[in-house]
């Protein structure tokens, strides 16, 4: 025990004293005292036979007095500055707890570890205590913890925007009716334009890799107005300080000053390696704050997109993908992949970075040919966005065989119907092997139905501002003057208007696309 205490100090005292008061689970000890699981396990091992038998972890009653005398030497205890404020909002905590319980489950591949409902409320209270939230704009760069929802419940006059790659989360937040603006975006390919340069405050609890932290901070910088602040939740184990140092160096690289740091502010249901806790950093961008252009797809700590994983498809998949794109006419193929040089084949005529395709589509000359996209690392949301981004005669996309859009007939049908005015899809599962699949898309013929012509016009211009593209579709295909067409767009825009009002189709959450497409179709005379 002496060795454990000398290495870890006061936190070990707290754990030992708590074990003398009542029974605990290992997870509760880790989260309550923000001590890494490995350290708690060392404490338990050092206690040995002094632990009482049974499932609950506690010190034997006859041994408790000795441990209290030995470890209860605290002379100063710091009060929780948010304690009184938290106690004053029991209804808010109950509502956030209810909302959290119905939220989509965490996705391990996206490094989701759910913060406790109390943490979401504490974040809202902290923001309210330090900033004037009435009429302010908060950007959440990823928000699985529902920080935006908790803060808007506390301050309904706050404007909040959530940017996330998880379509389930965006649909859920939208369903809460809090007026939170939900924007789809994979931050590896940039911050959506609809969220750029708008917020005075940005909050992020990113993947805890140096590349993940750096990328999310870059996007937060892009989302701020001059003089804005960034709130970062980040934790590391005191057993591995080098990891923490690597992240803290990123602050300097991005010209971010650490204005304040609150240890163990956030608590989680999981992440026991770092004590189920993270610190809260208040970061102040300098006038030179900038982005470094991080675009690595492997920013996470788990799964196919982890820092240790390869983002390239196997050679057999890459070869089959290009052949599928070329099709029977052996069209020239423009390749796009996370890793340069990953695709190969005699039909390959050139390459375009996946991020460039995502944000800008296909160059004009390539639209007469085919496009092959390696999306083997697709987290589940890339396939639809690639179908929206690409304009060409043919398109082939490699994805995992368990991709949610391919897993069953219902998913395949839903995707096919969504893009039917633009593409005819063929799903080739288990191709060329059991873990991969290729989706082939052939450009649909020009529609004859007036409504479908409008939809096709919009789908072919997914990177343009939606209201402008829709207006231009009406002027092109119905002969309406621009003012009349703009008024018709405003009339048919789905209510309540969200990202559709000033964003692009690429940024519109998936759950809003079907109603939007129906509205576009209905706006035809």
Protein backbone atom coordinates (compact mmCIF):
# COMPACT_ATOMS: atom_id res chain seq x y z
CA UNK A 1 0.00 0.00 0.00
CA UNK A 2 2.83 2.41 0.77
CA UNK A 3 4.17 2.10 -2.78
CA UNK A 4 0.74 2.75 -4.30
CA UNK A 5 0.29 5.83 -2.07
CA UNK A 6 3.71 7.24 -2.90
CA UNK A 7 3.03 6.95 -6.61
CA UNK A 8 -0.55 8.29 -6.65
CA UNK A 9 -0.97 10.34 -3.46
CA UNK A 10 -4.23 11.95 -2.37
CA UNK A 11 -6.55 10.13 -4.85
CA UNK A 12 -5.58 6.82 -3.22
CA UNK A 13 -6.45 8.24 0.22
CA UNK A 14 -9.91 9.12 -1.09
CA UNK A 15 -10.47 5.65 -2.54
CA UNK A 16 -9.39 3.90 0.66
CA UNK A 17 -11.57 6.09 2.88
CA UNK A 18 -14.54 5.55 0.59
CA UNK A 19 -14.07 1.78 0.81
CA UNK A 20 -14.43 2.13 4.57
CA UNK A 21 -17.76 3.92 4.31
CA UNK A 22 -19.85 1.62 2.09
CA UNK A 23 -19.77 -0.94 -0.71
CA UNK A 24 -18.72 0.12 -4.21
CA UNK A 25 -18.48 -1.22 -7.73
CA UNK A 26 -15.19 -0.83 -9.52
CA UNK A 27 -16.77 1.46 -12.13
CA UNK A 28 -18.22 3.75 -9.46
CA UNK A 29 -14.87 4.07 -7.69
CA UNK A 30 -13.14 4.98 -10.94
CA UNK A 31 -15.73 7.57 -11.97
CA UNK A 32 -16.35 9.12 -8.53
CA UNK A 33 -12.70 9.74 -7.71
CA UNK A 34 -11.40 10.15 -11.29
CA UNK A 35 -8.72 7.52 -10.68
CA UNK A 36 -7.60 5.21 -13.52
CA UNK A 37 -8.95 1.69 -13.29
CA UNK A 38 -5.45 0.24 -13.11
CA UNK A 39 -4.65 2.37 -10.07
CA UNK A 40 -7.87 1.36 -8.31
CA UNK A 41 -7.05 -2.27 -9.02
CA UNK A 42 -3.62 -1.77 -7.44
CA UNK A 43 -5.29 -0.30 -4.33
CA UNK A 44 -7.63 -3.29 -4.09
CA UNK A 45 -4.75 -5.71 -4.53
CA UNK A 46 -2.79 -3.90 -1.77
CA UNK A 47 -5.76 -4.14 0.60
CA UNK A 48 -5.81 -7.89 0.05
CA UNK A 49 -7.50 -9.78 2.89
CA UNK A 50 -8.67 -6.53 4.48
CA UNK A 51 -11.42 -6.40 1.86
CA UNK A 52 -14.75 -7.83 2.99
CA UNK A 53 -16.09 -10.87 1.10
CA UNK A 54 -18.96 -10.34 -1.36
CA UNK A 55 -19.58 -8.59 -4.66
CA UNK A 56 -19.52 -5.06 -3.22
CA UNK A 57 -16.03 -3.65 -2.69
CA UNK A 58 -15.48 -2.46 0.89
CA UNK A 59 -13.02 -2.77 3.76
CA UNK A 60 -13.86 -5.23 6.54
CA UNK A 61 -15.63 -3.47 9.42
CA UNK A 62 -12.98 -4.46 11.96
CA UNK A 63 -10.24 -2.91 9.82
CA UNK A 64 -11.99 0.38 9.05
CA UNK A 65 -10.81 2.34 12.18
CA UNK A 66 -7.16 1.63 11.40
CA UNK A 67 -7.49 2.82 7.80
CA UNK A 68 -9.37 5.94 8.87
CA UNK A 69 -6.66 6.82 11.35
CA UNK A 70 -3.98 6.23 8.76
CA UNK A 71 -5.51 8.04 5.78
CA UNK A 72 -7.99 10.65 7.04
CA UNK A 73 -5.54 13.54 7.36
CA UNK A 74 -7.28 16.09 5.21
CA UNK A 75 -7.20 19.59 6.67
CA UNK A 76 -8.59 21.45 3.66
CA UNK A 77 -11.46 20.50 1.38
CA UNK A 78 -12.36 22.61 -1.66
CA UNK A 79 -16.07 23.16 -2.18
CA UNK A 80 -17.59 22.36 -5.57
CA UNK A 81 -18.18 25.81 -7.12
CA UNK A 82 -21.08 24.45 -9.17
CA UNK A 83 -22.61 22.50 -6.28
CA UNK A 84 -25.18 25.13 -5.24
CA UNK A 85 -26.14 25.86 -8.86
CA UNK A 86 -26.57 22.14 -9.58
CA UNK A 87 -28.71 21.66 -6.49
CA UNK A 88 -30.94 24.54 -7.61
CA UNK A 89 -31.93 22.89 -10.93
CA UNK A 90 -33.24 19.41 -10.07
CA UNK A 91 -35.88 19.62 -12.82
CA UNK A 92 -33.21 20.35 -15.43
CA UNK A 93 -31.13 17.40 -14.28
CA UNK A 94 -34.19 15.16 -14.41
CA UNK A 95 -35.04 16.31 -17.93
CA UNK A 96 -31.48 15.87 -19.22
CA UNK A 97 -31.40 12.42 -17.61
CA UNK A 98 -34.60 11.53 -19.46
CA UNK A 99 -33.30 12.90 -22.75
CA UNK A 100 -29.99 11.08 -22.31
CA UNK A 101 -31.75 7.77 -21.63
CA UNK A 102 -33.57 7.90 -24.99
CA UNK A 103 -30.56 9.00 -27.05
CA UNK A 104 -28.90 6.71 -29.61
CA UNK A 105 -26.41 4.33 -28.00
CA UNK A 106 -22.69 5.14 -28.21
CA UNK A 107 -20.75 3.98 -31.26
CA UNK A 108 -17.39 2.56 -30.31
CA UNK A 109 -15.94 3.17 -33.78
CA UNK A 110 -16.53 6.90 -33.27
CA UNK A 111 -14.97 6.89 -29.79
CA UNK A 112 -18.31 7.61 -28.16
CA UNK A 113 -18.16 7.37 -24.38
CA UNK A 114 -21.29 8.88 -22.85
CA UNK A 115 -20.83 11.65 -20.32
CA UNK A 116 -23.18 11.42 -17.37
CA UNK A 117 -26.35 13.57 -17.44
CA UNK A 118 -24.96 15.50 -14.48
CA UNK A 119 -21.90 16.36 -16.57
CA UNK A 120 -24.05 17.77 -19.39
CA UNK A 121 -25.90 19.94 -16.85
CA UNK A 122 -22.65 21.05 -15.20
CA UNK A 123 -21.31 22.10 -18.61
CA UNK A 124 -24.46 24.14 -19.22
CA UNK A 125 -24.23 25.76 -15.77
CA UNK A 126 -20.54 26.53 -16.26
CA UNK A 127 -21.20 28.18 -19.62
CA UNK A 128 -24.05 30.19 -18.14
CA UNK A 129 -21.90 31.31 -15.22
CA UNK A 130 -18.99 32.49 -17.37
CA UNK A 131 -20.69 33.86 -20.50
CA UNK A 132 -23.82 35.80 -21.40
CA UNK A 133 -25.77 33.10 -23.24
CA UNK A 134 -28.85 35.18 -24.05
CA UNK A 135 -28.71 35.61 -27.81
CA UNK A 136 -25.27 33.98 -28.01
CA UNK A 137 -24.34 31.25 -30.50
CA UNK A 138 -22.83 27.97 -29.29
CA UNK A 139 -21.24 25.55 -31.75
CA UNK A 140 -20.85 21.94 -30.63
CA UNK A 141 -18.19 20.24 -32.73
CA UNK A 142 -19.61 16.74 -32.24
CA UNK A 143 -22.18 16.35 -29.48
CA UNK A 144 -22.90 12.79 -28.45
CA UNK A 145 -23.11 14.03 -24.85
CA UNK A 146 -26.03 16.38 -25.70
CA UNK A 147 -24.27 19.42 -24.28
CA UNK A 148 -26.19 21.68 -26.68
CA UNK A 149 -29.51 20.24 -25.54
CA UNK A 150 -28.70 20.72 -21.84
CA UNK A 151 -27.57 24.30 -22.44
CA UNK A 152 -30.62 25.19 -24.53
CA UNK A 153 -32.89 23.71 -21.88
CA UNK A 154 -31.20 25.98 -19.36
CA UNK A 155 -31.15 29.05 -21.65
CA UNK A 156 -33.81 28.80 -24.38
CA UNK A 157 -32.69 32.12 -25.90
CA UNK A 158 -29.35 30.55 -26.84
CA UNK A 159 -28.71 29.71 -30.50
CA UNK A 160 -26.95 26.36 -30.86
CA UNK A 161 -25.52 24.48 -33.82
CA UNK A 162 -24.43 20.84 -33.69
CA UNK A 163 -22.13 19.41 -36.37
CA UNK A 164 -21.82 15.64 -36.30
CA UNK A 165 -21.19 12.65 -38.56
CA UNK A 166 -23.66 10.45 -36.67
CA UNK A 167 -26.97 10.70 -38.54
CA UNK A 168 -28.82 8.97 -35.67
CA UNK A 169 -27.70 11.67 -33.25
CA UNK A 170 -28.71 14.53 -35.54
CA UNK A 171 -32.17 13.03 -36.03
CA UNK A 172 -32.56 12.61 -32.28
CA UNK A 173 -31.45 16.15 -31.41
CA UNK A 174 -33.78 17.50 -34.09
CA UNK A 175 -36.67 15.53 -32.58
CA UNK A 176 -36.24 17.27 -29.21
CA UNK A 177 -37.83 20.45 -30.55
CA UNK A 178 -35.27 22.77 -28.96
CA UNK A 179 -34.49 24.69 -32.13
CA UNK A 180 -30.94 23.35 -32.30
CA UNK A 181 -29.55 23.65 -35.81
CA UNK A 182 -28.29 20.21 -36.86
CA UNK A 183 -25.63 20.10 -39.58
CA UNK A 184 -24.21 16.92 -41.06
CA UNK A 185 -20.47 16.88 -41.51
CA UNK A 186 -17.47 14.60 -41.31
CA UNK A 187 -14.91 16.93 -39.78
CA UNK A 188 -12.07 15.15 -41.52
CA UNK A 189 -13.31 16.76 -44.74
CA UNK A 190 -13.76 20.24 -43.30
CA UNK A 191 -16.24 22.21 -41.24
CA UNK A 192 -19.52 22.62 -43.17
CA UNK A 193 -19.81 26.12 -44.55
CA UNK A 194 -23.17 26.52 -42.82
CA UNK A 195 -21.37 26.37 -39.45
CA UNK A 196 -18.28 28.43 -40.27
CA UNK A 197 -17.55 31.78 -38.61
CA UNK A 198 -20.86 32.03 -36.73
CA UNK A 199 -20.32 31.13 -33.07
CA UNK A 200 -18.93 33.04 -30.11
CA UNK A 201 -18.41 29.77 -28.23
CA UNK A 202 -17.38 26.33 -29.44
CA UNK A 203 -17.50 23.18 -27.34
CA UNK A 204 -15.93 19.86 -28.24
CA UNK A 205 -15.27 16.52 -26.57
CA UNK A 206 -13.27 14.90 -29.39
CA UNK A 207 -11.53 11.56 -29.96
CA UNK A 208 -8.64 11.45 -27.48
CA UNK A 209 -5.83 10.99 -30.00
CA UNK A 210 -3.46 13.86 -30.82
CA UNK A 211 -4.72 13.91 -34.42
CA UNK A 212 -8.33 13.76 -33.27
CA UNK A 213 -7.88 16.58 -30.76
CA UNK A 214 -6.03 18.72 -33.28
CA UNK A 215 -8.61 18.17 -36.01
CA UNK A 216 -11.62 19.00 -33.83
CA UNK A 217 -9.87 22.09 -32.46
CA UNK A 218 -9.14 23.27 -36.00
CA UNK A 219 -12.82 22.93 -36.86
CA UNK A 220 -13.75 24.80 -33.68
CA UNK A 221 -11.43 27.65 -34.71
CA UNK A 222 -13.12 27.77 -38.12
CA UNK A 223 -16.53 28.00 -36.48
CA UNK A 224 -15.74 31.02 -34.29
CA UNK A 225 -16.34 34.71 -34.77
CA UNK A 226 -13.44 37.04 -33.80
CA UNK A 227 -12.87 36.95 -30.04
CA UNK A 228 -14.56 33.59 -29.63
CA UNK A 229 -13.63 30.94 -27.07
CA UNK A 230 -13.22 27.17 -27.24
CA UNK A 231 -14.21 24.75 -24.49
CA UNK A 232 -12.40 21.42 -24.75
CA UNK A 233 -13.06 18.27 -22.75
CA UNK A 234 -9.92 16.13 -22.68
CA UNK A 235 -8.54 13.60 -20.25
CA UNK A 236 -5.49 11.38 -19.99
CA UNK A 237 -4.19 9.01 -17.38
CA UNK A 238 -1.54 10.35 -14.98
CA UNK A 239 0.14 7.03 -15.63
CA UNK A 240 0.82 8.12 -19.23
CA UNK A 241 1.71 11.83 -19.09
CA UNK A 242 3.41 11.67 -22.51
CA UNK A 243 -0.02 11.34 -24.14
CA UNK A 244 -1.23 14.44 -22.35
CA UNK A 245 1.88 16.34 -23.34
CA UNK A 246 1.41 15.42 -27.01
CA UNK A 247 -2.08 16.92 -26.95
CA UNK A 248 -1.03 20.02 -25.01
CA UNK A 249 1.65 20.70 -27.61
CA UNK A 250 -1.15 20.87 -30.15
CA UNK A 251 -2.52 23.95 -28.37
CA UNK A 252 0.67 25.83 -29.12
CA UNK A 253 0.84 24.57 -32.69
CA UNK A 254 -2.63 25.98 -33.32
CA UNK A 255 -1.91 29.26 -31.49
CA UNK A 256 -4.40 28.54 -28.72
CA UNK A 257 -3.72 29.95 -25.26
CA UNK A 258 -4.89 27.93 -22.27
CA UNK A 259 -6.85 30.49 -20.29
CA UNK A 260 -8.00 28.05 -17.61
CA UNK A 261 -8.22 24.34 -16.79
CA UNK A 262 -10.63 22.56 -14.42
CA UNK A 263 -9.43 19.05 -13.47
CA UNK A 264 -11.83 16.09 -13.69
CA UNK A 265 -14.75 18.33 -14.66
CA UNK A 266 -16.56 15.78 -16.86
CA UNK A 267 -17.43 12.23 -15.77
CA UNK A 268 -18.26 9.31 -18.06
CA UNK A 269 -19.93 5.94 -18.09
CA UNK A 270 -16.78 4.27 -19.37
CA UNK A 271 -13.26 5.44 -20.26
CA UNK A 272 -11.96 3.79 -17.10
CA UNK A 273 -8.37 3.90 -18.32
CA UNK A 274 -8.40 7.67 -17.76
CA UNK A 275 -10.45 7.54 -14.57
CA UNK A 276 -13.80 8.01 -16.37
CA UNK A 277 -13.07 11.73 -16.27
CA UNK A 278 -11.72 14.57 -18.36
CA UNK A 279 -10.50 18.07 -17.67
CA UNK A 280 -12.24 21.16 -19.02
CA UNK A 281 -9.96 23.56 -20.90
CA UNK A 282 -10.87 27.14 -21.78
CA UNK A 283 -8.85 27.99 -24.89
CA UNK A 284 -8.39 31.47 -26.27
CA UNK A 285 -7.39 31.66 -29.96
CA UNK A 286 -4.73 34.23 -30.74
CA UNK A 287 -4.90 36.39 -33.85
CA UNK A 288 -2.68 33.78 -35.51
CA UNK A 289 -4.87 30.79 -34.64
CA UNK A 290 -5.02 28.60 -37.70
CA UNK A 291 -5.67 25.18 -39.12
CA UNK A 292 -2.86 22.84 -40.13
CA UNK A 293 -4.87 20.97 -42.73
CA UNK A 294 -5.21 17.66 -40.90
CA UNK A 295 -7.08 15.20 -43.11
CA UNK A 296 -6.10 11.80 -41.76
CA UNK A 297 -9.11 9.48 -41.65
CA UNK A 298 -7.60 7.46 -38.80
CA UNK A 299 -8.27 9.77 -35.85
CA UNK A 300 -10.07 7.39 -33.50
CA UNK A 301 -8.84 4.90 -30.91
CA UNK A 302 -11.04 1.95 -31.96
CA UNK A 303 -12.12 0.14 -35.10
CA UNK A 304 -11.28 0.54 -38.76
CA UNK A 305 -10.64 4.27 -38.40
CA UNK A 306 -8.33 4.04 -35.41
CA UNK A 307 -4.92 5.64 -35.40
CA UNK A 308 -3.34 2.19 -35.76
CA UNK A 309 -5.57 1.02 -38.62
CA UNK A 310 -4.93 1.24 -42.33
CA UNK A 311 -7.44 3.37 -44.21
CA UNK A 312 -6.79 1.68 -47.57
CA UNK A 313 -8.86 -1.12 -49.07
CA UNK A 314 -7.15 -4.47 -49.78
CA UNK A 315 -5.63 -4.81 -53.25
CA UNK A 316 -8.37 -7.18 -54.45
CA UNK A 317 -11.06 -4.68 -53.43
CA UNK A 318 -9.24 -1.76 -55.05
CA UNK A 319 -8.87 -3.63 -58.35
CA UNK A 320 -12.48 -4.85 -58.39
CA UNK A 321 -13.70 -1.35 -57.53
CA UNK A 322 -12.04 0.30 -60.52
CA UNK A 323 -13.30 -2.44 -62.86
CA UNK A 324 -16.84 -2.02 -61.53
CA UNK A 325 -16.68 1.73 -62.11
CA UNK A 326 -15.42 1.35 -65.67
CA UNK A 327 -18.32 -0.96 -66.47
CA UNK A 328 -18.90 -2.78 -69.77
CA UNK A 329 -17.96 0.33 -71.80
CA UNK A 330 -14.58 0.50 -70.01
CA UNK A 331 -15.01 4.18 -69.24
CA UNK A 332 -12.01 6.15 -67.95
CA UNK A 333 -12.10 6.14 -64.16
CA UNK A 334 -11.29 8.92 -61.71
CA UNK A 335 -10.26 7.34 -58.42
CA UNK A 336 -10.81 8.73 -54.92
CA UNK A 337 -9.51 7.15 -51.72
CA UNK A 338 -8.32 8.17 -48.25
CA UNK A 339 -4.82 6.97 -49.15
CA UNK A 340 -3.15 8.30 -52.35
CA UNK A 341 -2.22 5.57 -54.81
CA UNK A 342 -4.55 3.01 -53.22
CA UNK A 343 -6.53 2.32 -56.41
CA UNK A 344 -5.18 0.62 -59.50
CA UNK A 345 -6.28 -0.75 -62.86
CA UNK A 346 -5.85 0.00 -66.59
CA UNK A 347 -8.99 2.16 -66.64
CA UNK A 348 -7.73 4.49 -63.89
CA UNK A 349 -7.21 7.89 -65.54
CA UNK A 350 -6.47 9.99 -62.49
CA UNK A 351 -6.96 10.54 -58.76
CA UNK A 352 -8.78 13.05 -56.62
CA UNK A 353 -8.44 13.27 -52.85
CA UNK A 354 -11.49 11.94 -51.06
CA UNK A 355 -11.77 15.21 -49.14
CA UNK A 356 -11.70 17.24 -52.37
CA UNK A 357 -14.41 15.05 -53.88
CA UNK A 358 -16.47 15.42 -50.70
CA UNK A 359 -16.27 19.20 -50.63
CA UNK A 360 -16.11 20.02 -54.35
CA UNK A 361 -17.35 17.07 -56.35
CA UNK A 362 -15.91 15.87 -59.64
CA UNK A 363 -14.03 18.07 -62.14
CA UNK A 364 -16.02 18.84 -65.28
CA UNK A 365 -14.04 16.68 -67.74
CA UNK A 366 -14.38 13.60 -65.52
CA UNK A 367 -18.17 13.76 -65.50
CA UNK A 368 -18.31 12.09 -68.88
CA UNK A 369 -16.56 9.05 -67.44
CA UNK A 370 -16.72 7.06 -64.22
CA UNK A 371 -15.65 7.52 -60.61
CA UNK A 372 -14.40 4.87 -58.18
CA UNK A 373 -14.42 5.70 -54.47
CA UNK A 374 -12.77 3.60 -51.78
CA UNK A 375 -15.05 4.11 -48.77
CA UNK A 376 -13.99 0.95 -46.97
CA UNK A 377 -13.62 2.97 -43.75
CA UNK A 378 -17.14 4.43 -44.08
CA UNK A 379 -18.57 4.96 -40.56
CA UNK A 380 -22.04 4.51 -42.06
CA UNK A 381 -22.74 7.97 -43.44
CA UNK A 382 -20.29 8.32 -46.33
CA UNK A 383 -22.09 6.27 -48.97
CA UNK A 384 -25.10 8.58 -49.33
CA UNK A 385 -22.89 11.67 -49.32
CA UNK A 386 -20.68 10.23 -52.06
CA UNK A 387 -23.78 9.52 -54.17
CA UNK A 388 -24.78 13.16 -53.68
CA UNK A 389 -21.29 14.57 -54.29
CA UNK A 390 -20.46 12.75 -57.54
CA UNK A 391 -21.77 13.63 -60.99
CA UNK A 392 -20.65 11.13 -63.64
CA UNK A 393 -21.96 8.44 -65.99
CA UNK A 394 -21.03 5.68 -63.59
CA UNK A 395 -19.93 5.44 -59.98
CA UNK A 396 -18.67 2.53 -57.88
CA UNK A 397 -18.18 2.74 -54.12
CA UNK A 398 -16.43 0.13 -51.95
CA UNK A 399 -17.86 -0.20 -48.45
CA UNK A 400 -17.91 -2.80 -45.70
CA UNK A 401 -20.26 -5.72 -46.24
CA UNK A 402 -22.08 -4.85 -43.01
CA UNK A 403 -22.73 -1.25 -44.05
CA UNK A 404 -26.11 -0.12 -42.63
CA UNK A 405 -27.41 0.86 -46.09
CA UNK A 406 -26.69 -2.65 -47.39
CA UNK A 407 -27.42 -4.86 -44.40
CA UNK A 408 -31.01 -5.65 -45.40
CA UNK A 409 -33.48 -5.14 -48.21
CA UNK A 410 -35.22 -2.28 -46.41
CA UNK A 411 -32.00 -0.31 -46.10
CA UNK A 412 -31.10 -0.87 -49.74
CA UNK A 413 -34.55 0.19 -50.89
CA UNK A 414 -34.53 3.35 -48.76
CA UNK A 415 -31.19 4.47 -50.18
CA UNK A 416 -32.17 3.60 -53.76
CA UNK A 417 -35.43 5.55 -53.51
CA UNK A 418 -33.71 8.58 -52.01
CA UNK A 419 -31.34 9.00 -54.96
CA UNK A 420 -33.54 7.46 -57.68
CA UNK A 421 -33.90 10.66 -59.75
CA UNK A 422 -30.09 10.73 -60.05
CA UNK A 423 -28.80 7.14 -59.82
CA UNK A 424 -29.90 3.57 -60.47
CA UNK A 425 -28.17 1.44 -57.85
CA UNK A 426 -26.92 -2.12 -57.81
CA UNK A 427 -25.78 -3.62 -54.51
CA UNK A 428 -23.05 -6.26 -54.82
CA UNK A 429 -22.58 -7.67 -51.34
CA UNK A 430 -19.65 -9.96 -50.44
CA UNK A 431 -17.71 -8.59 -53.41
CA UNK A 432 -14.94 -9.41 -54.02
CA UNK A 433 -14.72 -11.07 -50.58
CA UNK A 434 -16.90 -11.76 -47.53
CA UNK A 435 -16.07 -8.53 -45.69
CA UNK A 436 -16.49 -6.07 -48.56
CA UNK A 437 -19.21 -4.85 -50.88
CA UNK A 438 -19.38 -2.68 -53.98
CA UNK A 439 -22.27 -0.36 -54.79
CA UNK A 440 -22.58 0.40 -58.49
CA UNK A 441 -24.48 3.49 -59.61
CA UNK A 442 -25.50 4.31 -63.18
CA UNK A 443 -26.72 7.79 -64.01
CA UNK A 444 -30.50 7.79 -64.34
CA UNK A 445 -32.03 9.03 -67.61
CA UNK A 446 -33.29 12.58 -67.72
CA UNK A 447 -36.67 12.63 -65.94
CA UNK A 448 -39.85 13.46 -67.83
CA UNK A 449 -41.92 14.31 -64.75
CA UNK A 450 -41.67 18.07 -63.92
CA UNK A 451 -41.19 17.42 -60.22
CA UNK A 452 -38.48 14.83 -60.82
CA UNK A 453 -36.67 17.28 -63.12
CA UNK A 454 -36.48 19.76 -60.27
CA UNK A 455 -35.23 17.08 -57.88
CA UNK A 456 -32.59 15.89 -60.37
CA UNK A 457 -31.39 19.47 -60.84
CA UNK A 458 -30.91 19.84 -57.09
CA UNK A 459 -29.33 16.41 -56.56
CA UNK A 460 -26.79 17.16 -59.30
CA UNK A 461 -25.71 20.31 -57.45
CA UNK A 462 -25.33 19.04 -53.89
CA UNK A 463 -22.51 21.46 -53.07
CA UNK A 464 -24.45 24.60 -53.95
CA UNK A 465 -26.51 26.61 -51.50
CA UNK A 466 -29.78 24.73 -51.46
CA UNK A 467 -32.20 27.65 -51.71
CA UNK A 468 -30.26 29.11 -54.67
CA UNK A 469 -30.04 25.76 -56.46
CA UNK A 470 -33.75 25.13 -55.92
CA UNK A 471 -34.60 28.63 -57.18
CA UNK A 472 -32.44 28.09 -60.27
CA UNK A 473 -34.13 24.74 -60.89
CA UNK A 474 -37.48 26.49 -60.98
CA UNK A 475 -36.24 29.20 -63.36
CA UNK A 476 -34.57 26.62 -65.64
CA UNK A 477 -37.36 24.05 -65.80
CA UNK A 478 -40.51 26.13 -65.27
CA UNK A 479 -39.56 29.48 -66.78
CA UNK A 480 -40.32 31.43 -63.61
CA UNK A 481 -38.48 34.67 -62.97
CA UNK A 482 -35.97 34.59 -60.13
CA UNK A 483 -38.05 36.65 -57.67
CA UNK A 484 -41.09 34.45 -58.24
CA UNK A 485 -38.98 31.28 -58.01
CA UNK A 486 -37.36 32.46 -54.76
CA UNK A 487 -40.79 33.16 -53.27
CA UNK A 488 -41.93 29.68 -54.25
CA UNK A 489 -38.87 28.13 -52.57
CA UNK A 490 -39.67 30.03 -49.37
CA UNK A 491 -43.27 28.80 -49.59
CA UNK A 492 -42.34 25.13 -50.00
CA UNK A 493 -39.30 25.01 -47.73
CA UNK A 494 -40.04 22.36 -45.06
CA UNK A 495 -40.96 23.80 -41.68
CA UNK A 496 -39.39 24.28 -39.29
CA UNK A 497 -36.57 25.38 -41.55
CA UNK A 498 -33.23 24.02 -40.40
CA UNK A 499 -30.03 23.74 -42.34
CA UNK A 500 -32.13 23.86 -45.53
CA UNK A 501 -32.53 27.63 -45.15
CA UNK A 502 -28.92 28.48 -45.96
CA UNK A 503 -26.94 25.23 -46.20
CA UNK A 504 -26.22 22.71 -48.91
CA UNK A 505 -27.61 19.28 -49.64
CA UNK A 506 -24.30 17.77 -48.50
CA UNK A 507 -24.77 19.40 -45.08
CA UNK A 508 -28.44 18.49 -44.63
CA UNK A 509 -29.02 15.65 -42.13
CA UNK A 510 -30.31 12.50 -43.75
CA UNK A 511 -33.61 12.44 -41.88
CA UNK A 512 -34.51 15.80 -43.46
CA UNK A 513 -33.67 14.80 -47.03
CA UNK A 514 -36.81 12.81 -47.90
CA UNK A 515 -39.24 15.57 -46.79
CA UNK A 516 -37.05 18.10 -48.58
CA UNK A 517 -37.08 16.14 -51.83
CA UNK A 518 -40.85 15.81 -51.65
CA UNK A 519 -41.14 19.56 -51.11
CA UNK A 520 -38.94 20.24 -54.15
CA UNK A 521 -41.05 17.86 -56.23
CA UNK A 522 -44.27 19.48 -55.03
CA UNK A 523 -43.02 22.97 -55.94
CA UNK A 524 -43.28 22.13 -59.63
CA UNK A 525 -46.35 23.67 -61.33
